């Protein structure tokens, strides 16, 4: 959910239709480290009986832990190098403010440094794209 209690990219009218058919579960991914939504996903998987101690799952967890260690070491060994997280469309691009996003928040915890956009609302947005600062890419005439 980003922001809670809304389901990500599910319009309110569609959410009502979905909830009339079956229960829903939203996992909060805003303003938290990636580890929290991952733990919640595991809890939800466990509740109907998923087995999380199989080789496939434990191997995936080991690969994740190895990637975390690799990223932490790379960040520590490259202080001063900054990452620009962004997205865009044909008219503008959005430079991320990392803290609202669980993945970027986690990378920051591991030592990754970011070029950050200017925060202009509660979700770091300068437009309707939550968590992103708006910067126009429309060329200006000279």
N, C-alpha and C. Protein backbone atom coordinates (compact mmCIF):
# COMPACT_ATOMS: atom_id res chain seq x y z
N UNK A 1 0.84 -1.17 0.00
CA UNK A 1 0.00 0.00 0.00
C UNK A 1 0.89 1.23 0.00
N UNK A 2 0.54 2.16 -0.84
CA UNK A 2 1.33 3.39 -0.91
C UNK A 2 0.46 4.52 -1.39
N UNK A 3 0.02 5.41 -0.59
CA UNK A 3 0.04 5.36 0.87
C UNK A 3 -1.12 4.52 1.41
N UNK A 4 -0.97 3.98 2.62
CA UNK A 4 -2.06 3.21 3.22
C UNK A 4 -3.26 4.11 3.45
N UNK A 5 -4.45 3.61 3.37
CA UNK A 5 -4.85 2.21 3.21
C UNK A 5 -5.12 1.82 1.75
N UNK A 6 -4.76 2.69 0.81
CA UNK A 6 -5.04 2.41 -0.60
C UNK A 6 -4.18 1.27 -1.13
N UNK A 7 -4.77 0.43 -1.96
CA UNK A 7 -4.01 -0.61 -2.64
C UNK A 7 -3.31 0.05 -3.82
N UNK A 8 -2.08 -0.29 -4.06
CA UNK A 8 -1.24 0.35 -5.06
C UNK A 8 -1.86 0.23 -6.46
N UNK A 9 -2.13 1.35 -7.08
CA UNK A 9 -2.66 1.45 -8.44
C UNK A 9 -3.99 0.74 -8.65
N UNK A 10 -4.75 0.54 -7.59
CA UNK A 10 -6.10 -0.03 -7.71
C UNK A 10 -7.07 1.12 -7.47
N UNK A 11 -7.82 1.53 -8.50
CA UNK A 11 -8.77 2.62 -8.32
C UNK A 11 -9.82 2.25 -7.26
N UNK A 12 -10.29 3.23 -6.49
CA UNK A 12 -11.25 2.94 -5.42
C UNK A 12 -12.48 2.18 -5.90
N UNK A 13 -13.00 2.50 -7.08
CA UNK A 13 -14.17 1.78 -7.58
C UNK A 13 -13.85 0.32 -7.89
N UNK A 14 -12.64 0.04 -8.37
CA UNK A 14 -12.22 -1.34 -8.62
C UNK A 14 -11.98 -2.07 -7.31
N UNK A 15 -11.44 -1.38 -6.32
CA UNK A 15 -11.19 -2.00 -5.02
C UNK A 15 -12.50 -2.49 -4.41
N UNK A 16 -13.55 -1.70 -4.52
CA UNK A 16 -14.86 -2.10 -3.99
C UNK A 16 -15.35 -3.37 -4.67
N UNK A 17 -15.20 -3.45 -5.98
CA UNK A 17 -15.62 -4.64 -6.73
C UNK A 17 -14.81 -5.86 -6.32
N UNK A 18 -13.51 -5.66 -6.18
CA UNK A 18 -12.64 -6.77 -5.79
C UNK A 18 -13.00 -7.28 -4.40
N UNK A 19 -13.18 -6.34 -3.46
CA UNK A 19 -13.49 -6.73 -2.08
C UNK A 19 -14.85 -7.39 -1.96
N UNK A 20 -15.76 -7.15 -2.91
CA UNK A 20 -17.05 -7.83 -2.92
C UNK A 20 -16.89 -9.30 -3.33
N UNK A 21 -15.83 -9.60 -4.06
CA UNK A 21 -15.58 -10.96 -4.53
C UNK A 21 -14.72 -11.79 -3.58
N UNK A 22 -13.76 -11.13 -2.95
CA UNK A 22 -12.81 -11.86 -2.10
C UNK A 22 -12.13 -10.89 -1.14
N UNK A 23 -11.65 -11.42 -0.02
CA UNK A 23 -10.91 -10.56 0.91
C UNK A 23 -9.61 -10.08 0.25
N UNK A 24 -9.14 -8.92 0.66
CA UNK A 24 -7.87 -8.40 0.15
C UNK A 24 -6.91 -8.21 1.32
N UNK A 25 -5.65 -8.17 0.99
CA UNK A 25 -4.62 -7.87 1.98
C UNK A 25 -3.64 -6.91 1.33
N UNK A 26 -3.38 -5.81 1.97
CA UNK A 26 -2.41 -4.86 1.48
C UNK A 26 -1.19 -4.88 2.38
N UNK A 27 -0.04 -4.78 1.77
CA UNK A 27 1.20 -4.75 2.54
C UNK A 27 1.76 -3.35 2.41
N UNK A 28 1.94 -2.70 3.53
CA UNK A 28 2.45 -1.33 3.52
C UNK A 28 3.90 -1.33 3.09
N UNK A 29 4.19 -0.54 2.05
CA UNK A 29 5.55 -0.43 1.55
C UNK A 29 6.06 1.00 1.65
N UNK A 30 5.29 1.88 2.26
CA UNK A 30 5.67 3.29 2.33
C UNK A 30 6.40 3.60 3.63
N UNK A 31 7.47 4.35 3.49
CA UNK A 31 8.23 4.85 4.65
C UNK A 31 8.67 3.74 5.61
N UNK A 32 9.16 2.69 5.04
CA UNK A 32 9.69 1.59 5.84
C UNK A 32 10.81 0.93 5.06
N UNK A 33 11.61 0.17 5.73
CA UNK A 33 12.66 -0.58 5.06
C UNK A 33 12.05 -1.77 4.32
N UNK A 34 12.67 -2.19 3.27
CA UNK A 34 12.22 -3.33 2.47
C UNK A 34 12.00 -4.58 3.32
N UNK A 35 12.75 -4.73 4.39
CA UNK A 35 12.66 -5.94 5.21
C UNK A 35 11.28 -6.10 5.84
N UNK A 36 10.63 -5.00 6.20
CA UNK A 36 9.31 -5.11 6.83
C UNK A 36 8.26 -5.67 5.86
N UNK A 37 8.11 -5.15 4.64
CA UNK A 37 7.16 -5.78 3.72
C UNK A 37 7.52 -7.22 3.36
N UNK A 38 8.81 -7.52 3.32
CA UNK A 38 9.20 -8.92 3.06
C UNK A 38 8.76 -9.83 4.20
N UNK A 39 8.94 -9.36 5.45
CA UNK A 39 8.48 -10.16 6.60
C UNK A 39 6.96 -10.35 6.55
N UNK A 40 6.24 -9.28 6.23
CA UNK A 40 4.78 -9.36 6.19
C UNK A 40 4.32 -10.30 5.07
N UNK A 41 5.01 -10.26 3.94
CA UNK A 41 4.68 -11.18 2.84
C UNK A 41 4.87 -12.63 3.29
N UNK A 42 5.94 -12.90 4.01
CA UNK A 42 6.19 -14.26 4.52
C UNK A 42 5.10 -14.68 5.50
N UNK A 43 4.68 -13.75 6.38
CA UNK A 43 3.59 -14.06 7.33
C UNK A 43 2.31 -14.41 6.58
N UNK A 44 2.00 -13.62 5.57
CA UNK A 44 0.77 -13.89 4.80
C UNK A 44 0.87 -15.21 4.04
N UNK A 45 2.05 -15.53 3.53
CA UNK A 45 2.24 -16.80 2.82
C UNK A 45 2.09 -17.97 3.78
N UNK A 46 2.60 -17.80 4.99
CA UNK A 46 2.54 -18.86 6.00
C UNK A 46 1.10 -19.14 6.44
N UNK A 47 0.26 -18.10 6.50
CA UNK A 47 -1.08 -18.24 7.08
C UNK A 47 -1.94 -19.30 6.38
N UNK A 48 -1.92 -19.46 5.06
CA UNK A 48 -2.70 -20.55 4.47
C UNK A 48 -1.92 -21.86 4.37
N UNK A 49 -0.67 -21.85 4.88
CA UNK A 49 0.08 -23.10 4.92
C UNK A 49 1.29 -23.20 4.03
N UNK A 50 1.77 -22.09 3.46
CA UNK A 50 2.98 -22.16 2.63
C UNK A 50 4.15 -22.61 3.49
N UNK A 51 4.96 -23.45 2.94
CA UNK A 51 6.14 -23.98 3.64
C UNK A 51 7.35 -23.12 3.26
N UNK A 52 7.87 -22.39 4.22
CA UNK A 52 8.96 -21.45 3.94
C UNK A 52 10.33 -22.00 4.31
N UNK A 53 10.40 -23.31 4.57
CA UNK A 53 11.69 -23.92 4.88
C UNK A 53 12.15 -24.87 3.78
N UNK A 54 11.48 -24.81 2.64
CA UNK A 54 11.90 -25.66 1.51
C UNK A 54 13.24 -25.15 0.97
N UNK A 55 13.93 -26.00 0.24
CA UNK A 55 15.23 -25.61 -0.33
C UNK A 55 15.08 -24.41 -1.25
N UNK A 56 14.01 -24.35 -2.02
CA UNK A 56 13.81 -23.24 -2.95
C UNK A 56 13.74 -21.91 -2.19
N UNK A 57 13.02 -21.89 -1.08
CA UNK A 57 12.86 -20.66 -0.30
C UNK A 57 14.15 -20.33 0.45
N UNK A 58 14.75 -21.31 1.08
CA UNK A 58 15.97 -21.02 1.84
C UNK A 58 17.12 -20.62 0.90
N UNK A 59 17.16 -21.21 -0.29
CA UNK A 59 18.18 -20.80 -1.28
C UNK A 59 17.95 -19.36 -1.72
N UNK A 60 16.70 -18.98 -1.94
CA UNK A 60 16.37 -17.61 -2.33
C UNK A 60 16.77 -16.63 -1.21
N UNK A 61 16.50 -17.00 0.04
CA UNK A 61 16.89 -16.16 1.17
C UNK A 61 18.41 -16.01 1.25
N UNK A 62 19.13 -17.09 0.98
CA UNK A 62 20.59 -17.03 1.01
C UNK A 62 21.11 -16.12 -0.11
N UNK A 63 20.50 -16.19 -1.30
CA UNK A 63 20.91 -15.30 -2.40
C UNK A 63 20.64 -13.84 -2.04
N UNK A 64 19.51 -13.58 -1.40
CA UNK A 64 19.18 -12.22 -0.96
C UNK A 64 20.21 -11.73 0.05
N UNK A 65 20.52 -12.55 1.04
CA UNK A 65 21.50 -12.17 2.05
C UNK A 65 22.87 -11.89 1.43
N UNK A 66 23.26 -12.69 0.45
CA UNK A 66 24.53 -12.48 -0.24
C UNK A 66 24.51 -11.16 -1.01
N UNK A 67 23.38 -10.86 -1.66
CA UNK A 67 23.26 -9.60 -2.41
C UNK A 67 23.32 -8.41 -1.46
N UNK A 68 22.70 -8.53 -0.29
CA UNK A 68 22.74 -7.46 0.72
C UNK A 68 24.19 -7.20 1.12
N UNK A 69 24.92 -8.26 1.40
CA UNK A 69 26.32 -8.12 1.80
C UNK A 69 27.14 -7.48 0.68
N UNK A 70 26.92 -7.91 -0.54
CA UNK A 70 27.65 -7.37 -1.69
C UNK A 70 27.36 -5.88 -1.87
N UNK A 71 26.10 -5.50 -1.77
CA UNK A 71 25.74 -4.09 -1.92
C UNK A 71 26.31 -3.24 -0.79
N UNK A 72 26.22 -3.74 0.43
CA UNK A 72 26.77 -3.00 1.58
C UNK A 72 28.27 -2.77 1.39
N UNK A 73 28.99 -3.80 0.95
CA UNK A 73 30.44 -3.68 0.73
C UNK A 73 30.74 -2.72 -0.42
N UNK A 74 29.96 -2.80 -1.49
CA UNK A 74 30.18 -1.90 -2.63
C UNK A 74 29.93 -0.45 -2.24
N UNK A 75 28.88 -0.21 -1.47
CA UNK A 75 28.58 1.15 -1.01
C UNK A 75 29.69 1.68 -0.11
N UNK A 76 30.17 0.84 0.80
CA UNK A 76 31.24 1.26 1.71
C UNK A 76 32.54 1.55 0.96
N UNK A 77 32.78 0.79 -0.08
CA UNK A 77 34.01 0.96 -0.85
C UNK A 77 33.95 2.07 -1.88
N UNK A 78 32.80 2.69 -2.03
CA UNK A 78 32.64 3.73 -3.05
C UNK A 78 31.95 4.97 -2.49
N UNK A 79 32.36 5.37 -1.29
CA UNK A 79 31.78 6.57 -0.66
C UNK A 79 31.93 7.75 -1.60
N UNK A 80 30.88 8.55 -1.65
CA UNK A 80 30.89 9.73 -2.52
C UNK A 80 30.23 9.48 -3.87
N UNK A 81 30.16 8.21 -4.28
CA UNK A 81 29.46 7.87 -5.51
C UNK A 81 27.97 7.88 -5.20
N UNK A 82 27.19 8.62 -5.99
CA UNK A 82 25.76 8.75 -5.72
C UNK A 82 24.94 8.14 -6.84
N UNK A 83 23.79 7.61 -6.46
CA UNK A 83 22.84 6.99 -7.37
C UNK A 83 21.68 7.95 -7.58
N UNK A 84 21.22 8.08 -8.82
CA UNK A 84 20.05 8.87 -9.13
C UNK A 84 18.93 7.90 -9.49
N UNK A 85 17.92 7.82 -8.64
CA UNK A 85 16.76 6.97 -8.91
C UNK A 85 15.69 7.86 -9.51
N UNK A 86 15.22 7.49 -10.70
CA UNK A 86 14.26 8.35 -11.37
C UNK A 86 13.36 7.56 -12.30
N UNK A 87 12.31 8.20 -12.72
CA UNK A 87 11.40 7.67 -13.72
C UNK A 87 10.91 8.86 -14.53
N UNK A 88 10.18 8.61 -15.58
CA UNK A 88 9.70 9.73 -16.37
C UNK A 88 8.69 9.32 -17.41
N UNK A 89 8.20 10.33 -18.08
CA UNK A 89 7.31 10.12 -19.22
C UNK A 89 7.78 11.04 -20.33
N UNK A 90 6.98 11.24 -21.34
CA UNK A 90 7.43 12.02 -22.49
C UNK A 90 7.60 13.51 -22.19
N UNK A 91 7.03 14.00 -21.10
CA UNK A 91 7.09 15.43 -20.80
C UNK A 91 7.93 15.82 -19.61
N UNK A 92 8.24 14.91 -18.73
CA UNK A 92 8.96 15.27 -17.51
C UNK A 92 9.60 14.03 -16.90
N UNK A 93 10.50 14.25 -15.96
CA UNK A 93 11.04 13.12 -15.22
C UNK A 93 10.92 13.42 -13.73
N UNK A 94 10.99 12.35 -12.95
CA UNK A 94 10.81 12.42 -11.51
C UNK A 94 12.05 11.88 -10.83
N UNK A 95 12.67 12.70 -10.00
CA UNK A 95 13.83 12.28 -9.23
C UNK A 95 13.33 11.83 -7.87
N UNK A 96 13.66 10.62 -7.50
CA UNK A 96 13.11 10.02 -6.28
C UNK A 96 13.65 10.67 -5.02
N UNK A 97 12.78 10.78 -4.04
CA UNK A 97 13.13 11.06 -2.66
C UNK A 97 13.12 9.67 -2.01
N UNK A 98 14.27 9.09 -1.65
CA UNK A 98 14.34 7.68 -1.29
C UNK A 98 13.52 7.22 -0.09
N UNK A 99 13.37 8.04 0.93
CA UNK A 99 12.77 7.54 2.17
C UNK A 99 11.36 6.99 2.05
N UNK A 100 10.47 7.51 1.20
CA UNK A 100 9.14 6.92 1.11
C UNK A 100 9.10 5.53 0.47
N UNK A 101 10.13 5.15 -0.27
CA UNK A 101 10.13 3.88 -1.01
C UNK A 101 10.92 2.81 -0.27
N UNK A 102 10.30 1.67 -0.02
CA UNK A 102 10.94 0.65 0.80
C UNK A 102 12.25 0.14 0.21
N UNK A 103 12.34 0.00 -1.11
CA UNK A 103 13.58 -0.50 -1.69
C UNK A 103 14.70 0.54 -1.59
N UNK A 104 14.41 1.77 -1.98
CA UNK A 104 15.43 2.81 -1.90
C UNK A 104 15.81 3.10 -0.45
N UNK A 105 14.82 3.05 0.43
CA UNK A 105 15.06 3.25 1.87
C UNK A 105 16.05 2.18 2.37
N UNK A 106 15.83 0.94 1.96
CA UNK A 106 16.71 -0.16 2.36
C UNK A 106 18.12 0.02 1.80
N UNK A 107 18.20 0.41 0.52
CA UNK A 107 19.52 0.63 -0.08
C UNK A 107 20.27 1.73 0.67
N UNK A 108 19.54 2.76 1.08
CA UNK A 108 20.14 3.85 1.86
C UNK A 108 20.66 3.32 3.19
N UNK A 109 19.89 2.43 3.83
CA UNK A 109 20.35 1.81 5.08
C UNK A 109 21.64 1.03 4.88
N UNK A 110 21.80 0.48 3.69
CA UNK A 110 23.01 -0.31 3.40
C UNK A 110 24.20 0.56 3.03
N UNK A 111 23.96 1.88 2.96
CA UNK A 111 25.07 2.79 2.69
C UNK A 111 25.06 3.43 1.32
N UNK A 112 24.09 3.09 0.48
CA UNK A 112 24.01 3.71 -0.85
C UNK A 112 23.64 5.17 -0.66
N UNK A 113 24.37 6.03 -1.34
CA UNK A 113 24.08 7.46 -1.30
C UNK A 113 23.28 7.84 -2.55
N UNK A 114 22.31 8.73 -2.38
CA UNK A 114 21.43 9.12 -3.48
C UNK A 114 21.51 10.60 -3.77
N UNK A 115 21.35 10.94 -5.04
CA UNK A 115 21.03 12.30 -5.44
C UNK A 115 19.54 12.40 -5.16
N UNK A 116 19.14 13.37 -4.35
CA UNK A 116 17.74 13.44 -3.95
C UNK A 116 17.04 14.64 -4.55
N UNK A 117 15.78 14.39 -4.97
CA UNK A 117 14.94 15.48 -5.45
C UNK A 117 14.47 16.30 -4.26
N UNK A 118 13.92 17.46 -4.56
CA UNK A 118 13.38 18.31 -3.50
C UNK A 118 12.00 17.81 -3.11
N UNK A 119 11.81 17.60 -1.84
CA UNK A 119 10.53 17.12 -1.33
C UNK A 119 9.54 18.28 -1.27
N UNK A 120 8.35 18.09 -1.83
CA UNK A 120 7.39 19.18 -1.83
C UNK A 120 6.03 18.82 -1.23
N UNK A 121 5.83 17.57 -0.84
CA UNK A 121 4.62 17.20 -0.11
C UNK A 121 4.93 16.02 0.81
N UNK A 122 3.91 15.50 1.48
CA UNK A 122 4.14 14.43 2.45
C UNK A 122 4.78 13.18 1.84
N UNK A 123 4.61 12.95 0.54
CA UNK A 123 5.15 11.76 -0.10
C UNK A 123 6.30 12.09 -1.03
N UNK A 124 6.86 13.29 -0.90
CA UNK A 124 8.01 13.65 -1.71
C UNK A 124 7.65 13.98 -3.13
N UNK A 125 6.42 14.43 -3.35
CA UNK A 125 5.94 14.63 -4.70
C UNK A 125 5.79 16.09 -5.07
N UNK A 126 6.17 16.40 -6.29
CA UNK A 126 5.91 17.70 -6.85
C UNK A 126 4.78 17.62 -7.85
N UNK A 127 4.20 16.43 -8.02
CA UNK A 127 3.09 16.22 -8.94
C UNK A 127 2.26 15.07 -8.42
N UNK A 128 1.46 14.48 -9.27
CA UNK A 128 0.61 13.38 -8.84
C UNK A 128 1.36 12.08 -8.66
N UNK A 129 2.63 12.03 -9.01
CA UNK A 129 3.43 10.82 -8.82
C UNK A 129 4.01 10.84 -7.41
N UNK A 130 3.35 10.11 -6.50
CA UNK A 130 3.76 10.12 -5.09
C UNK A 130 5.21 9.71 -4.95
N UNK A 131 5.93 10.45 -4.09
CA UNK A 131 7.29 10.09 -3.77
C UNK A 131 8.33 10.59 -4.73
N UNK A 132 7.96 11.40 -5.70
CA UNK A 132 8.92 11.85 -6.69
C UNK A 132 8.84 13.38 -6.81
N UNK A 133 9.95 14.00 -6.96
CA UNK A 133 9.98 15.44 -7.18
C UNK A 133 9.95 15.70 -8.68
N UNK A 134 9.09 16.57 -9.13
CA UNK A 134 8.89 16.81 -10.55
C UNK A 134 9.93 17.78 -11.09
N UNK A 135 10.50 17.43 -12.22
CA UNK A 135 11.42 18.30 -12.93
C UNK A 135 11.05 18.25 -14.40
N UNK A 136 10.78 19.39 -14.98
CA UNK A 136 10.37 19.44 -16.39
C UNK A 136 11.55 19.14 -17.29
N UNK A 137 11.31 18.39 -18.36
CA UNK A 137 12.33 18.14 -19.36
C UNK A 137 11.94 18.79 -20.68
N UNK A 138 10.91 19.62 -20.64
CA UNK A 138 10.46 20.30 -21.85
C UNK A 138 11.52 21.31 -22.25
N UNK A 139 12.02 21.22 -23.50
CA UNK A 139 13.07 22.15 -23.91
C UNK A 139 12.53 23.59 -23.94
N UNK A 140 13.40 24.51 -23.61
CA UNK A 140 13.04 25.93 -23.69
C UNK A 140 13.71 26.52 -24.90
N UNK A 141 13.05 27.49 -25.52
CA UNK A 141 13.67 28.10 -26.69
C UNK A 141 14.65 29.17 -26.26
N UNK A 142 15.71 29.35 -27.03
CA UNK A 142 16.75 30.34 -26.69
C UNK A 142 16.51 31.61 -27.45
